[in-house]
Amino acid sequence: MDDSACDHYVVSQPYPLGPEFEICEWNGGSHARILWLLPITEAEKVFRRENGLEALEARFEEHEIDPADPKRASVA
């Protein structure tokens, strides 16, 4: 969105949905791994590069972000 500060993305596990959501398996051993593309701000991108993905995800949890809100405030 043009008026969103979330102008970057991070690919990660869908951590709020739990690990059972990440791997989908079918009969015969076929499976798919589900990841999500989460919009992030420039500051969050820099924070992730400096501190790692787990630290950024911890910030998301601490601030209880709504990942579907394109106008949310940055946590970094």
PDB file of N, CA and C in Angstrom:
ATOM      1  N   MET A   1       0.848  -1.182   0.000  1.00  0.00           N
ATOM      2  CA  MET A   1       0.000   0.000   0.000  1.00  0.00           C
ATOM      3  C   MET A   1       0.886   1.236   0.000  1.00  0.00           C
ATOM      4  N   ASP A   2       0.491   2.208  -0.739  1.00  0.00           N
ATOM      5  CA  ASP A   2       1.303   3.399  -0.884  1.00  0.00           C
ATOM      6  C   ASP A   2       1.541   4.126   0.433  1.00  0.00           C
ATOM      7  N   ASP A   3       0.577   4.101   1.343  1.00  0.00           N
ATOM      8  CA  ASP A   3       0.725   4.850   2.591  1.00  0.00           C
ATOM      9  C   ASP A   3       1.179   3.976   3.765  1.00  0.00           C
ATOM     10  N   SER A   4       1.707   2.798   3.469  1.00  0.00           N
ATOM     11  CA  SER A   4       2.189   1.896   4.513  1.00  0.00           C
ATOM     12  C   SER A   4       3.694   2.038   4.699  1.00  0.00           C
ATOM     13  N   ALA A   5       4.152   2.007   5.944  1.00  0.00           N
ATOM     14  CA  ALA A   5       5.587   2.012   6.226  1.00  0.00           C
ATOM     15  C   ALA A   5       6.184   0.625   6.003  1.00  0.00           C
ATOM     16  N   CYS A   6       5.329  -0.388   5.871  1.00  0.00           N
ATOM     17  CA  CYS A   6       5.786  -1.760   5.636  1.00  0.00           C
ATOM     18  C   CYS A   6       6.062  -1.934   4.148  1.00  0.00           C
ATOM     19  N   ASP A   7       7.283  -1.582   3.742  1.00  0.00           N
ATOM     20  CA  ASP A   7       7.632  -1.600   2.331  1.00  0.00           C
ATOM     21  C   ASP A   7       8.709  -2.625   1.993  1.00  0.00           C
ATOM     22  N   HIS A   8       8.937  -3.573   2.914  1.00  0.00           N
ATOM     23  CA  HIS A   8       9.859  -4.690   2.718  1.00  0.00           C
ATOM     24  C   HIS A   8       9.131  -5.960   3.151  1.00  0.00           C
ATOM     25  N   TYR A   9       9.752  -7.117   2.899  1.00  0.00           N
ATOM     26  CA  TYR A   9       9.162  -8.387   3.308  1.00  0.00           C
ATOM     27  C   TYR A   9      10.208  -9.247   3.992  1.00  0.00           C
ATOM     28  N   VAL A  10       9.726 -10.129   4.850  1.00  0.00           N
ATOM     29  CA  VAL A  10      10.576 -11.175   5.421  1.00  0.00           C
ATOM     30  C   VAL A  10       9.817 -12.489   5.233  1.00  0.00           C
ATOM     31  N   VAL A  11      10.545 -13.532   4.838  1.00  0.00           N
ATOM     32  CA  VAL A  11       9.968 -14.866   4.699  1.00  0.00           C
ATOM     33  C   VAL A  11      10.317 -15.629   5.967  1.00  0.00           C
ATOM     34  N   SER A  12       9.282 -16.179   6.619  1.00  0.00           N
ATOM     35  CA  SER A  12       9.533 -16.915   7.854  1.00  0.00           C
ATOM     36  C   SER A  12       8.466 -17.970   8.068  1.00  0.00           C
ATOM     37  N   GLN A  13       8.652 -18.748   9.112  1.00  0.00           N
ATOM     38  CA  GLN A  13       7.646 -19.732   9.488  1.00  0.00           C
ATOM     39  C   GLN A  13       6.425 -18.995  10.028  1.00  0.00           C
ATOM     40  N   PRO A  14       5.255 -19.560   9.846  1.00  0.00           N
ATOM     41  CA  PRO A  14       4.035 -18.911  10.349  1.00  0.00           C
ATOM     42  C   PRO A  14       3.918 -19.111  11.858  1.00  0.00           C
ATOM     43  N   TYR A  15       4.850 -18.509  12.613  1.00  0.00           N
ATOM     44  CA  TYR A  15       4.988 -18.773  14.046  1.00  0.00           C
ATOM     45  C   TYR A  15       3.718 -18.578  14.874  1.00  0.00           C
ATOM     46  N   PRO A  16       2.843 -17.614  14.579  1.00  0.00           N
ATOM     47  CA  PRO A  16       1.646 -17.481  15.418  1.00  0.00           C
ATOM     48  C   PRO A  16       0.678 -18.662  15.278  1.00  0.00           C
ATOM     49  N   LEU A  17       0.797 -19.396  14.175  1.00  0.00           N
ATOM     50  CA  LEU A  17      -0.134 -20.490  13.909  1.00  0.00           C
ATOM     51  C   LEU A  17       0.373 -21.832  14.436  1.00  0.00           C
ATOM     52  N   GLY A  18       1.593 -21.869  14.926  1.00  0.00           N
ATOM     53  CA  GLY A  18       2.137 -23.084  15.514  1.00  0.00           C
ATOM     54  C   GLY A  18       2.809 -23.990  14.500  1.00  0.00           C
ATOM     55  N   PRO A  19       3.682 -24.870  14.984  1.00  0.00           N
ATOM     56  CA  PRO A  19       4.465 -25.732  14.091  1.00  0.00           C
ATOM     57  C   PRO A  19       3.627 -26.747  13.323  1.00  0.00           C
ATOM     58  N   GLU A  20       2.473 -27.135  13.856  1.00  0.00           N
ATOM     59  CA  GLU A  20       1.644 -28.117  13.144  1.00  0.00           C
ATOM     60  C   GLU A  20       1.062 -27.538  11.853  1.00  0.00           C
ATOM     61  N   PHE A  21       1.019 -26.228  11.727  1.00  0.00           N
ATOM     62  CA  PHE A  21       0.518 -25.590  10.512  1.00  0.00           C
ATOM     63  C   PHE A  21       1.591 -25.541   9.431  1.00  0.00           C
ATOM     64  N   GLU A  22       2.846 -25.582   9.815  1.00  0.00           N
ATOM     65  CA  GLU A  22       3.941 -25.361   8.871  1.00  0.00           C
ATOM     66  C   GLU A  22       4.108 -26.489   7.856  1.00  0.00           C
ATOM     67  N   ILE A  23       3.943 -27.745   8.269  1.00  0.00           N
ATOM     68  CA  ILE A  23       4.134 -28.884   7.373  1.00  0.00           C
ATOM     69  C   ILE A  23       2.788 -29.549   7.096  1.00  0.00           C
ATOM     70  N   CYS A  24       2.433 -29.634   5.832  1.00  0.00           N
ATOM     71  CA  CYS A  24       1.217 -30.340   5.421  1.00  0.00           C
ATOM     72  C   CYS A  24       1.658 -31.631   4.738  1.00  0.00           C
ATOM     73  N   GLU A  25       1.132 -32.745   5.188  1.00  0.00           N
ATOM     74  CA  GLU A  25       1.506 -34.041   4.617  1.00  0.00           C
ATOM     75  C   GLU A  25       0.298 -34.717   3.992  1.00  0.00           C
ATOM     76  N   TRP A  26       0.556 -35.463   2.898  1.00  0.00           N
ATOM     77  CA  TRP A  26      -0.466 -36.231   2.215  1.00  0.00           C
ATOM     78  C   TRP A  26      -0.071 -37.696   2.229  1.00  0.00           C
ATOM     79  N   ASN A  27      -1.009 -38.538   1.898  1.00  0.00           N
ATOM     80  CA  ASN A  27      -0.726 -39.972   1.784  1.00  0.00           C
ATOM     81  C   ASN A  27       0.390 -40.193   0.780  1.00  0.00           C
ATOM     82  N   GLY A  28       1.229 -41.171   1.044  1.00  0.00           N
ATOM     83  CA  GLY A  28       2.330 -41.466   0.139  1.00  0.00           C
ATOM     84  C   GLY A  28       3.597 -40.696   0.449  1.00  0.00           C
ATOM     85  N   GLY A  29       3.603 -39.895   1.502  1.00  0.00           N
ATOM     86  CA  GLY A  29       4.808 -39.193   1.911  1.00  0.00           C
ATOM     87  C   GLY A  29       5.008 -37.814   1.309  1.00  0.00           C
ATOM     88  N   SER A  30       4.116 -37.384   0.449  1.00  0.00           N
ATOM     89  CA  SER A  30       4.247 -36.032  -0.104  1.00  0.00           C
ATOM     90  C   SER A  30       3.977 -35.008   0.990  1.00  0.00           C
ATOM     91  N   HIS A  31       4.622 -33.873   0.881  1.00  0.00           N
ATOM     92  CA  HIS A  31       4.398 -32.826   1.873  1.00  0.00           C
ATOM     93  C   HIS A  31       4.718 -31.456   1.277  1.00  0.00           C
ATOM     94  N   ALA A  32       4.240 -30.447   1.943  1.00  0.00           N
ATOM     95  CA  ALA A  32       4.540 -29.061   1.578  1.00  0.00           C
ATOM     96  C   ALA A  32       4.857 -28.299   2.854  1.00  0.00           C
ATOM     97  N   ARG A  33       5.811 -27.423   2.783  1.00  0.00           N
ATOM     98  CA  ARG A  33       6.160 -26.559   3.909  1.00  0.00           C
ATOM     99  C   ARG A  33       5.524 -25.200   3.649  1.00  0.00           C
ATOM    100  N   ILE A  34       4.772 -24.714   4.623  1.00  0.00           N
ATOM    101  CA  ILE A  34       4.078 -23.439   4.501  1.00  0.00           C
ATOM    102  C   ILE A  34       4.911 -22.352   5.181  1.00  0.00           C
ATOM    103  N   LEU A  35       5.271 -21.333   4.434  1.00  0.00           N
ATOM    104  CA  LEU A  35       5.960 -20.162   4.972  1.00  0.00           C
ATOM    105  C   LEU A  35       5.085 -18.952   4.672  1.00  0.00           C
ATOM    106  N   TRP A  36       5.375 -17.850   5.342  1.00  0.00           N
ATOM    107  CA  TRP A  36       4.587 -16.659   5.022  1.00  0.00           C
ATOM    108  C   TRP A  36       5.506 -15.508   4.667  1.00  0.00           C
ATOM    109  N   LEU A  37       4.953 -14.619   3.895  1.00  0.00           N
ATOM    110  CA  LEU A  37       5.634 -13.412   3.454  1.00  0.00           C
ATOM    111  C   LEU A  37       5.036 -12.278   4.278  1.00  0.00           C
ATOM    112  N   LEU A  38       5.812 -11.791   5.245  1.00  0.00           N
ATOM    113  CA  LEU A  38       5.319 -10.807   6.201  1.00  0.00           C
ATOM    114  C   LEU A  38       5.844  -9.419   5.846  1.00  0.00           C
ATOM    115  N   PRO A  39       4.969  -8.451   5.634  1.00  0.00           N
ATOM    116  CA  PRO A  39       5.420  -7.089   5.366  1.00  0.00           C
ATOM    117  C   PRO A  39       6.112  -6.501   6.609  1.00  0.00           C
ATOM    118  N   ILE A  40       7.279  -5.895   6.381  1.00  0.00           N
ATOM    119  CA  ILE A  40       8.036  -5.270   7.475  1.00  0.00           C
ATOM    120  C   ILE A  40       8.508  -3.888   7.041  1.00  0.00           C
ATOM    121  N   THR A  41       8.930  -3.104   8.021  1.00  0.00           N
ATOM    122  CA  THR A  41       9.443  -1.763   7.748  1.00  0.00           C
ATOM    123  C   THR A  41      10.946  -1.811   7.470  1.00  0.00           C
ATOM    124  N   GLU A  42      11.469  -0.732   6.958  1.00  0.00           N
ATOM    125  CA  GLU A  42      12.923  -0.612   6.736  1.00  0.00           C
ATOM    126  C   GLU A  42      13.676  -0.822   8.046  1.00  0.00           C
ATOM    127  N   ALA A  43      13.199  -0.210   9.132  1.00  0.00           N
ATOM    128  CA  ALA A  43      13.871  -0.349  10.432  1.00  0.00           C
ATOM    129  C   ALA A  43      13.851  -1.795  10.911  1.00  0.00           C
ATOM    130  N   GLU A  44      12.760  -2.504  10.663  1.00  0.00           N
ATOM    131  CA  GLU A  44      12.684  -3.915  11.057  1.00  0.00           C
ATOM    132  C   GLU A  44      13.634  -4.765  10.219  1.00  0.00           C
ATOM    133  N   LYS A  45      13.793  -4.414   8.940  1.00  0.00           N
ATOM    134  CA  LYS A  45      14.749  -5.121   8.081  1.00  0.00           C
ATOM    135  C   LYS A  45      16.165  -4.966   8.631  1.00  0.00           C
ATOM    136  N   VAL A  46      16.522  -3.752   9.007  1.00  0.00           N
ATOM    137  CA  VAL A  46      17.851  -3.494   9.563  1.00  0.00           C
ATOM    138  C   VAL A  46      18.010  -4.237  10.896  1.00  0.00           C
ATOM    139  N   PHE A  47      16.983  -4.199  11.727  1.00  0.00           N
ATOM    140  CA  PHE A  47      17.016  -4.905  13.007  1.00  0.00           C
ATOM    141  C   PHE A  47      17.235  -6.399  12.796  1.00  0.00           C
ATOM    142  N   ARG A  48      16.542  -6.992  11.820  1.00  0.00           N
ATOM    143  CA  ARG A  48      16.709  -8.418  11.541  1.00  0.00           C
ATOM    144  C   ARG A  48      18.121  -8.735  11.080  1.00  0.00           C
ATOM    145  N   ARG A  49      18.679  -7.897  10.240  1.00  0.00           N
ATOM    146  CA  ARG A  49      20.056  -8.134   9.775  1.00  0.00           C
ATOM    147  C   ARG A  49      21.057  -8.059  10.926  1.00  0.00           C
ATOM    148  N   GLU A  50      20.822  -7.152  11.865  1.00  0.00           N
ATOM    149  CA  GLU A  50      21.751  -6.970  12.979  1.00  0.00           C
ATOM    150  C   GLU A  50      21.538  -7.954  14.123  1.00  0.00           C
ATOM    151  N   ASN A  51      20.296  -8.401  14.324  1.00  0.00           N
ATOM    152  CA  ASN A  51      19.964  -9.202  15.504  1.00  0.00           C
ATOM    153  C   ASN A  51      19.416 -10.588  15.199  1.00  0.00           C
ATOM    154  N   GLY A  52      19.061 -10.852  13.962  1.00  0.00           N
ATOM    155  CA  GLY A  52      18.537 -12.153  13.572  1.00  0.00           C
ATOM    156  C   GLY A  52      17.016 -12.194  13.538  1.00  0.00           C
ATOM    157  N   LEU A  53      16.526 -13.202  12.822  1.00  0.00           N
ATOM    158  CA  LEU A  53      15.085 -13.358  12.639  1.00  0.00           C
ATOM    159  C   LEU A  53      14.369 -13.654  13.947  1.00  0.00           C
ATOM    160  N   GLU A  54      14.961 -14.488  14.788  1.00  0.00           N
ATOM    161  CA  GLU A  54      14.306 -14.823  16.055  1.00  0.00           C
ATOM    162  C   GLU A  54      14.098 -13.589  16.927  1.00  0.00           C
ATOM    163  N   ALA A  55      15.060 -12.689  16.935  1.00  0.00           N
ATOM    164  CA  ALA A  55      14.924 -11.463  17.725  1.00  0.00           C
ATOM    165  C   ALA A  55      13.800 -10.583  17.175  1.00  0.00           C
ATOM    166  N   LEU A  56      13.687 -10.521  15.847  1.00  0.00           N
ATOM    167  CA  LEU A  56      12.607  -9.738  15.251  1.00  0.00           C
ATOM    168  C   LEU A  56      11.259 -10.369  15.569  1.00  0.00           C
ATOM    169  N   GLU A  57      11.159 -11.678  15.442  1.00  0.00           N
ATOM    170  CA  GLU A  57       9.905 -12.359  15.760  1.00  0.00           C
ATOM    171  C   GLU A  57       9.531 -12.175  17.227  1.00  0.00           C
ATOM    172  N   ALA A  58      10.525 -12.153  18.114  1.00  0.00           N
ATOM    173  CA  ALA A  58      10.250 -11.905  19.532  1.00  0.00           C
ATOM    174  C   ALA A  58       9.665 -10.508  19.719  1.00  0.00           C
ATOM    175  N   ARG A  59      10.180  -9.545  18.972  1.00  0.00           N
ATOM    176  CA  ARG A  59       9.630  -8.182  19.035  1.00  0.00           C
ATOM    177  C   ARG A  59       8.179  -8.157  18.563  1.00  0.00           C
ATOM    178  N   PHE A  60       7.906  -8.892  17.481  1.00  0.00           N
ATOM    179  CA  PHE A  60       6.527  -8.968  16.996  1.00  0.00           C
ATOM    180  C   PHE A  60       5.602  -9.497  18.087  1.00  0.00           C
ATOM    181  N   GLU A  61       6.045 -10.545  18.770  1.00  0.00           N
ATOM    182  CA  GLU A  61       5.231 -11.126  19.839  1.00  0.00           C
ATOM    183  C   GLU A  61       5.078 -10.165  21.012  1.00  0.00           C
ATOM    184  N   GLU A  62       6.171  -9.520  21.409  1.00  0.00           N
ATOM    185  CA  GLU A  62       6.127  -8.563  22.529  1.00  0.00           C
ATOM    186  C   GLU A  62       5.133  -7.437  22.254  1.00  0.00           C
ATOM    187  N   HIS A  63       5.123  -6.969  21.021  1.00  0.00           N
ATOM    188  CA  HIS A  63       4.261  -5.845  20.648  1.00  0.00           C
ATOM    189  C   HIS A  63       2.890  -6.295  20.145  1.00  0.00           C
ATOM    190  N   GLU A  64       2.688  -7.606  20.091  1.00  0.00           N
ATOM    191  CA  GLU A  64       1.410  -8.191  19.655  1.00  0.00           C
ATOM    192  C   GLU A  64       0.918  -7.558  18.352  1.00  0.00           C
ATOM    193  N   ILE A  65       1.788  -7.574  17.346  1.00  0.00           N
ATOM    194  CA  ILE A  65       1.423  -6.953  16.070  1.00  0.00           C
ATOM    195  C   ILE A  65       0.282  -7.708  15.402  1.00  0.00           C
ATOM    196  N   ASP A  66      -0.434  -7.005  14.569  1.00  0.00           N
ATOM    197  CA  ASP A  66      -1.417  -7.620  13.690  1.00  0.00           C
ATOM    198  C   ASP A  66      -0.732  -7.731  12.334  1.00  0.00           C
ATOM    199  N   PRO A  67      -0.293  -8.931  11.945  1.00  0.00           N
ATOM    200  CA  PRO A  67       0.459  -9.062  10.697  1.00  0.00           C
ATOM    201  C   PRO A  67      -0.342  -8.680   9.452  1.00  0.00           C
ATOM    202  N   ALA A  68      -1.646  -8.601   9.562  1.00  0.00           N
ATOM    203  CA  ALA A  68      -2.492  -8.217   8.429  1.00  0.00           C
ATOM    204  C   ALA A  68      -2.719  -6.712   8.343  1.00  0.00           C
ATOM    205  N   ASP A  69      -2.177  -5.955   9.310  1.00  0.00           N
ATOM    206  CA  ASP A  69      -2.369  -4.499   9.318  1.00  0.00           C
ATOM    207  C   ASP A  69      -1.227  -3.800   8.597  1.00  0.00           C
ATOM    208  N   PRO A  70      -1.443  -3.312   7.383  1.00  0.00           N
ATOM    209  CA  PRO A  70      -0.364  -2.681   6.631  1.00  0.00           C
ATOM    210  C   PRO A  70       0.056  -1.325   7.202  1.00  0.00           C
ATOM    211  N   LYS A  71      -0.720  -0.793   8.140  1.00  0.00           N
ATOM    212  CA  LYS A  71      -0.399   0.513   8.715  1.00  0.00           C
ATOM    213  C   LYS A  71       0.087   0.400  10.158  1.00  0.00           C
ATOM    214  N   ARG A  72       0.493  -0.818  10.550  1.00  0.00           N
ATOM    215  CA  ARG A  72       0.957  -1.002  11.932  1.00  0.00           C
ATOM    216  C   ARG A  72       2.262  -0.244  12.154  1.00  0.00           C
ATOM    217  N   ALA A  73       2.532   0.055  13.416  1.00  0.00           N
ATOM    218  CA  ALA A  73       3.768   0.751  13.780  1.00  0.00           C
ATOM    219  C   ALA A  73       4.940  -0.227  13.749  1.00  0.00           C
ATOM    220  N   SER A  74       6.109   0.293  13.471  1.00  0.00           N
ATOM    221  CA  SER A  74       7.324  -0.506  13.485  1.00  0.00           C
ATOM    222  C   SER A  74       7.664  -0.921  14.903  1.00  0.00           C
ATOM    223  N   VAL A  75       8.256  -2.109  15.052  1.00  0.00           N
ATOM    224  CA  VAL A  75       8.674  -2.583  16.376  1.00  0.00           C
ATOM    225  C   VAL A  75      10.172  -2.383  16.582  1.00  0.00           C
ATOM    226  N   ALA A  76      10.838  -1.778  15.606  1.00  0.00           N
ATOM    227  CA  ALA A  76      12.286  -1.560  15.712  1.00  0.00           C
ATOM    228  C   ALA A  76      12.586  -0.079  15.836  1.00  0.00           C
TER     229      ALA A  76
END
